[in-house]
Amino acid sequence: MDIGVDNGENDPRQKGDVVGRELDTHSVPLFFIGHIGLWNGDQVVEDSEGGTNAIKLVNLTDFKSIARYWGTARPNIPDGVIEPTCYDTDCPTNGEKHISLLAREAIVR
């Protein structure tokens, strides 16, 4: 199975697409240093500075407005691929709490 990416300058289309932009660095022209986020279908999941929760959700317009937008990388995952897994911190070995998700939903989780 090919799990490469389809790079594009357009917006994300599916859950699990990765969006990128330059870092908001004005003092030094480091145009090759960037920041990425994960599209969950409605918002961009990204890390933030400090606080008790370093993960935040932002809309795509806000993500793109901070610095030059690089576009989207799309995992090449065929439709219908299932990922059986456990999302609890303590997963039993007998599979009781395991659930099956479509692969793109598993990426977002």
N, C-alpha and C. Protein backbone atom coordinates (compact mmCIF):
# COMPACT_ATOMS: atom_id res chain seq x y z
N MET A 1 0.84 -1.17 0.00
CA MET A 1 0.00 0.00 0.00
C MET A 1 0.89 1.23 0.00
N ASP A 2 0.62 2.17 -0.87
CA ASP A 2 1.37 3.41 -0.96
C ASP A 2 0.79 4.42 0.02
N ILE A 3 1.58 4.88 0.98
CA ILE A 3 1.08 5.87 1.93
C ILE A 3 1.85 7.18 1.79
N GLY A 4 2.29 7.49 0.59
CA GLY A 4 2.96 8.75 0.32
C GLY A 4 2.00 9.91 0.44
N VAL A 5 2.45 11.08 0.04
CA VAL A 5 1.58 12.25 0.13
C VAL A 5 1.42 12.89 -1.24
N ASP A 6 0.29 13.54 -1.40
CA ASP A 6 0.00 14.35 -2.57
C ASP A 6 0.08 15.80 -2.10
N ASN A 7 1.18 16.47 -2.43
CA ASN A 7 1.34 17.85 -1.99
C ASN A 7 0.55 18.77 -2.88
N GLY A 8 -0.12 19.73 -2.28
CA GLY A 8 -0.91 20.68 -3.05
C GLY A 8 -0.97 22.02 -2.34
N GLU A 9 -1.19 23.05 -3.09
CA GLU A 9 -1.28 24.39 -2.51
C GLU A 9 -2.71 24.72 -2.08
N ASN A 10 -3.58 23.77 -2.17
CA ASN A 10 -4.97 24.03 -1.81
C ASN A 10 -5.27 23.57 -0.39
N ASP A 11 -6.49 23.70 -0.02
CA ASP A 11 -6.92 23.40 1.34
C ASP A 11 -7.13 21.90 1.55
N PRO A 12 -7.14 21.46 2.82
CA PRO A 12 -7.36 20.04 3.10
C PRO A 12 -8.75 19.60 2.66
N ARG A 13 -8.85 18.34 2.27
CA ARG A 13 -10.12 17.79 1.80
C ARG A 13 -10.68 16.73 2.74
N GLN A 14 -9.77 15.99 3.41
CA GLN A 14 -10.22 14.87 4.24
C GLN A 14 -9.54 14.90 5.60
N LYS A 15 -10.16 14.24 6.57
CA LYS A 15 -9.53 14.07 7.87
C LYS A 15 -8.15 13.45 7.70
N GLY A 16 -7.20 13.92 8.48
CA GLY A 16 -5.86 13.37 8.43
C GLY A 16 -4.93 14.10 7.47
N ASP A 17 -5.45 15.04 6.67
CA ASP A 17 -4.58 15.85 5.82
C ASP A 17 -3.72 16.74 6.71
N VAL A 18 -2.49 17.01 6.28
CA VAL A 18 -1.56 17.82 7.05
C VAL A 18 -1.41 19.17 6.35
N VAL A 19 -1.58 20.25 7.10
CA VAL A 19 -1.42 21.59 6.57
C VAL A 19 -0.16 22.21 7.16
N GLY A 20 0.46 23.11 6.42
CA GLY A 20 1.70 23.71 6.90
C GLY A 20 1.77 25.18 6.57
N ARG A 21 2.60 25.87 7.35
CA ARG A 21 2.85 27.29 7.13
C ARG A 21 4.23 27.61 7.68
N GLU A 22 4.74 28.77 7.31
CA GLU A 22 6.01 29.22 7.87
C GLU A 22 5.81 29.53 9.34
N LEU A 23 6.89 29.46 10.10
CA LEU A 23 6.82 29.94 11.47
C LEU A 23 6.70 31.45 11.44
N ASP A 24 6.08 32.00 12.44
CA ASP A 24 5.90 33.45 12.53
C ASP A 24 7.19 34.07 13.08
N THR A 25 8.26 34.04 12.27
CA THR A 25 9.55 34.57 12.70
C THR A 25 9.90 35.77 11.83
N HIS A 26 9.84 36.94 12.40
CA HIS A 26 10.12 38.15 11.64
C HIS A 26 11.55 38.65 11.82
N SER A 27 12.21 38.22 12.90
CA SER A 27 13.54 38.72 13.16
C SER A 27 14.61 38.07 12.30
N VAL A 28 14.41 36.85 11.91
CA VAL A 28 15.39 36.12 11.10
C VAL A 28 14.65 35.51 9.91
N PRO A 29 15.14 35.71 8.69
CA PRO A 29 14.44 35.14 7.53
C PRO A 29 14.72 33.65 7.36
N LEU A 30 14.04 32.83 8.15
CA LEU A 30 14.19 31.37 8.08
C LEU A 30 12.96 30.79 7.38
N PHE A 31 12.90 30.95 6.09
CA PHE A 31 11.70 30.57 5.35
C PHE A 31 11.52 29.06 5.23
N PHE A 32 12.54 28.29 5.58
CA PHE A 32 12.45 26.84 5.48
C PHE A 32 11.98 26.20 6.78
N ILE A 33 11.80 27.00 7.82
CA ILE A 33 11.32 26.47 9.10
C ILE A 33 9.82 26.68 9.17
N GLY A 34 9.09 25.62 9.47
CA GLY A 34 7.65 25.75 9.43
C GLY A 34 6.93 25.13 10.60
N HIS A 35 5.64 25.17 10.51
CA HIS A 35 4.73 24.67 11.53
C HIS A 35 3.65 23.89 10.81
N ILE A 36 3.30 22.72 11.33
CA ILE A 36 2.26 21.92 10.70
C ILE A 36 1.11 21.70 11.66
N GLY A 37 -0.03 21.38 11.08
CA GLY A 37 -1.22 21.04 11.83
C GLY A 37 -1.93 19.89 11.13
N LEU A 38 -2.83 19.26 11.83
CA LEU A 38 -3.58 18.12 11.32
C LEU A 38 -5.04 18.51 11.16
N TRP A 39 -5.59 18.30 9.98
CA TRP A 39 -6.99 18.62 9.70
C TRP A 39 -7.88 17.52 10.25
N ASN A 40 -8.85 17.88 11.13
CA ASN A 40 -9.73 16.87 11.72
C ASN A 40 -11.08 16.80 11.02
N GLY A 41 -11.22 17.51 9.93
CA GLY A 41 -12.48 17.53 9.19
C GLY A 41 -13.21 18.84 9.35
N ASP A 42 -12.95 19.55 10.46
CA ASP A 42 -13.57 20.84 10.72
C ASP A 42 -12.57 21.92 11.09
N GLN A 43 -11.51 21.52 11.79
CA GLN A 43 -10.53 22.48 12.29
C GLN A 43 -9.12 21.89 12.18
N VAL A 44 -8.13 22.76 12.41
CA VAL A 44 -6.74 22.34 12.42
C VAL A 44 -6.34 22.06 13.87
N VAL A 45 -5.80 20.88 14.12
CA VAL A 45 -5.26 20.52 15.43
C VAL A 45 -3.78 20.88 15.39
N GLU A 46 -3.36 21.76 16.30
CA GLU A 46 -1.96 22.18 16.31
C GLU A 46 -1.47 22.33 17.74
N ASP A 47 -0.15 22.36 17.88
CA ASP A 47 0.40 22.58 19.21
C ASP A 47 0.57 24.09 19.41
N SER A 48 0.51 24.49 20.66
CA SER A 48 0.66 25.90 20.99
C SER A 48 1.71 26.04 22.08
N GLU A 49 2.02 27.25 22.39
CA GLU A 49 3.05 27.51 23.40
C GLU A 49 2.46 27.53 24.80
N GLY A 50 3.11 26.81 25.71
CA GLY A 50 2.78 26.89 27.13
C GLY A 50 1.38 26.47 27.49
N GLY A 51 1.01 26.81 28.70
CA GLY A 51 -0.32 26.47 29.18
C GLY A 51 -0.39 25.03 29.65
N THR A 52 -1.53 24.66 30.18
CA THR A 52 -1.70 23.30 30.67
C THR A 52 -2.01 22.32 29.54
N ASN A 53 -2.55 22.83 28.45
CA ASN A 53 -2.83 21.98 27.29
C ASN A 53 -2.16 22.61 26.08
N ALA A 54 -1.15 21.96 25.57
CA ALA A 54 -0.39 22.51 24.45
C ALA A 54 -1.06 22.25 23.11
N ILE A 55 -2.22 21.60 23.09
CA ILE A 55 -2.94 21.33 21.85
C ILE A 55 -4.12 22.27 21.74
N LYS A 56 -4.29 22.88 20.57
CA LYS A 56 -5.44 23.76 20.37
C LYS A 56 -6.07 23.49 19.01
N LEU A 57 -7.32 23.85 18.89
CA LEU A 57 -8.06 23.75 17.64
C LEU A 57 -8.26 25.15 17.09
N VAL A 58 -7.94 25.35 15.81
CA VAL A 58 -8.16 26.64 15.17
C VAL A 58 -8.82 26.40 13.82
N ASN A 59 -9.57 27.40 13.36
CA ASN A 59 -10.15 27.22 12.03
C ASN A 59 -9.07 27.45 10.98
N LEU A 60 -9.29 26.96 9.79
CA LEU A 60 -8.28 27.00 8.75
C LEU A 60 -7.90 28.43 8.38
N THR A 61 -8.85 29.33 8.37
CA THR A 61 -8.57 30.72 8.03
C THR A 61 -7.57 31.32 9.01
N ASP A 62 -7.76 31.06 10.31
CA ASP A 62 -6.83 31.57 11.32
C ASP A 62 -5.45 30.93 11.17
N PHE A 63 -5.41 29.62 10.91
CA PHE A 63 -4.13 28.94 10.73
C PHE A 63 -3.37 29.56 9.57
N LYS A 64 -4.07 29.84 8.48
CA LYS A 64 -3.43 30.39 7.29
C LYS A 64 -3.04 31.86 7.44
N SER A 65 -3.71 32.59 8.33
CA SER A 65 -3.48 34.04 8.43
C SER A 65 -2.23 34.41 9.22
N ILE A 66 -1.67 33.50 9.98
CA ILE A 66 -0.54 33.81 10.86
C ILE A 66 0.74 34.04 10.07
N ALA A 67 1.00 33.22 9.09
CA ALA A 67 2.20 33.34 8.26
C ALA A 67 1.92 32.70 6.91
N ARG A 68 2.86 32.78 6.00
CA ARG A 68 2.65 32.26 4.65
C ARG A 68 2.25 30.78 4.69
N TYR A 69 1.13 30.49 4.06
CA TYR A 69 0.56 29.14 4.03
C TYR A 69 1.30 28.30 3.00
N TRP A 70 1.70 27.10 3.39
CA TRP A 70 2.44 26.21 2.49
C TRP A 70 1.51 25.29 1.70
N GLY A 71 0.32 25.05 2.18
CA GLY A 71 -0.58 24.14 1.50
C GLY A 71 -0.81 22.86 2.29
N THR A 72 -1.22 21.82 1.59
CA THR A 72 -1.67 20.59 2.21
C THR A 72 -0.90 19.39 1.68
N ALA A 73 -0.58 18.48 2.58
CA ALA A 73 -0.04 17.17 2.20
C ALA A 73 -1.11 16.14 2.57
N ARG A 74 -1.42 15.27 1.63
CA ARG A 74 -2.49 14.30 1.84
C ARG A 74 -1.93 12.88 1.89
N PRO A 75 -2.16 12.17 3.00
CA PRO A 75 -1.75 10.76 3.03
C PRO A 75 -2.52 10.01 1.95
N ASN A 76 -1.85 9.16 1.24
CA ASN A 76 -2.47 8.37 0.18
C ASN A 76 -3.01 7.07 0.80
N ILE A 77 -4.14 7.20 1.46
CA ILE A 77 -4.77 6.06 2.14
C ILE A 77 -6.05 5.72 1.38
N PRO A 78 -6.15 4.53 0.83
CA PRO A 78 -7.37 4.16 0.11
C PRO A 78 -8.59 4.19 1.03
N ASP A 79 -9.73 4.54 0.46
CA ASP A 79 -10.99 4.56 1.23
C ASP A 79 -11.27 3.17 1.78
N GLY A 80 -11.80 3.12 2.97
CA GLY A 80 -12.22 1.86 3.57
C GLY A 80 -11.17 1.13 4.37
N VAL A 81 -9.93 1.65 4.45
CA VAL A 81 -8.90 0.98 5.25
C VAL A 81 -9.26 1.12 6.72
N ILE A 82 -9.28 0.00 7.43
CA ILE A 82 -9.67 -0.05 8.84
C ILE A 82 -8.45 -0.20 9.73
N GLU A 83 -8.43 0.53 10.84
CA GLU A 83 -7.36 0.45 11.82
C GLU A 83 -7.95 -0.03 13.14
N PRO A 84 -7.73 -1.30 13.52
CA PRO A 84 -8.22 -1.79 14.81
C PRO A 84 -7.22 -1.40 15.90
N THR A 85 -7.68 -0.72 16.93
CA THR A 85 -6.76 -0.29 17.98
C THR A 85 -7.52 0.07 19.25
N CYS A 86 -6.76 0.40 20.28
CA CYS A 86 -7.32 0.85 21.55
C CYS A 86 -6.83 2.26 21.82
N TYR A 87 -7.70 3.14 22.23
CA TYR A 87 -7.33 4.52 22.48
C TYR A 87 -7.33 4.86 23.98
N ASP A 88 -7.44 3.86 24.83
CA ASP A 88 -7.35 4.08 26.27
C ASP A 88 -5.90 4.06 26.69
N THR A 89 -5.60 4.65 27.86
CA THR A 89 -4.22 4.67 28.32
C THR A 89 -3.77 3.29 28.79
N ASP A 90 -4.69 2.45 29.23
CA ASP A 90 -4.37 1.10 29.67
C ASP A 90 -5.20 0.12 28.86
N CYS A 91 -4.61 -0.41 27.80
CA CYS A 91 -5.35 -1.29 26.90
C CYS A 91 -5.15 -2.75 27.27
N PRO A 92 -6.23 -3.51 27.39
CA PRO A 92 -6.10 -4.92 27.71
C PRO A 92 -5.56 -5.71 26.52
N THR A 93 -4.88 -6.78 26.82
CA THR A 93 -4.31 -7.60 25.75
C THR A 93 -5.35 -8.50 25.09
N ASN A 94 -6.51 -8.67 25.73
CA ASN A 94 -7.53 -9.55 25.15
C ASN A 94 -8.39 -8.86 24.09
N GLY A 95 -8.18 -7.57 23.86
CA GLY A 95 -8.90 -6.87 22.80
C GLY A 95 -10.28 -6.37 23.17
N GLU A 96 -10.67 -6.49 24.45
CA GLU A 96 -12.02 -6.07 24.85
C GLU A 96 -12.35 -4.64 24.46
N LYS A 97 -11.42 -3.71 24.71
CA LYS A 97 -11.70 -2.30 24.48
C LYS A 97 -11.27 -1.83 23.10
N HIS A 98 -10.82 -2.74 22.27
CA HIS A 98 -10.37 -2.34 20.95
C HIS A 98 -11.57 -1.98 20.08
N ILE A 99 -11.38 -0.96 19.29
CA ILE A 99 -12.41 -0.55 18.34
C ILE A 99 -11.77 -0.47 16.96
N SER A 100 -12.58 -0.50 15.95
CA SER A 100 -12.09 -0.35 14.59
C SER A 100 -12.55 0.99 14.04
N LEU A 101 -11.61 1.71 13.46
CA LEU A 101 -11.92 3.00 12.87
C LEU A 101 -11.39 3.02 11.44
N LEU A 102 -12.00 3.85 10.62
CA LEU A 102 -11.40 4.10 9.32
C LEU A 102 -10.04 4.74 9.58
N ALA A 103 -9.07 4.46 8.74
CA ALA A 103 -7.69 4.90 8.96
C ALA A 103 -7.58 6.41 9.15
N ARG A 104 -8.30 7.20 8.37
CA ARG A 104 -8.21 8.65 8.50
C ARG A 104 -8.76 9.12 9.86
N GLU A 105 -9.80 8.50 10.34
CA GLU A 105 -10.33 8.83 11.67
C GLU A 105 -9.32 8.43 12.74
N ALA A 106 -8.62 7.31 12.54
CA ALA A 106 -7.60 6.89 13.50
C ALA A 106 -6.45 7.89 13.54
N ILE A 107 -6.08 8.47 12.40
CA ILE A 107 -5.03 9.49 12.38
C ILE A 107 -5.43 10.67 13.24
N VAL A 108 -6.65 11.11 13.12
CA VAL A 108 -7.13 12.26 13.89
C VAL A 108 -7.18 11.95 15.38
N ARG A 109 -7.59 10.74 15.73
CA ARG A 109 -7.65 10.38 17.15
C ARG A 109 -6.28 10.40 17.77
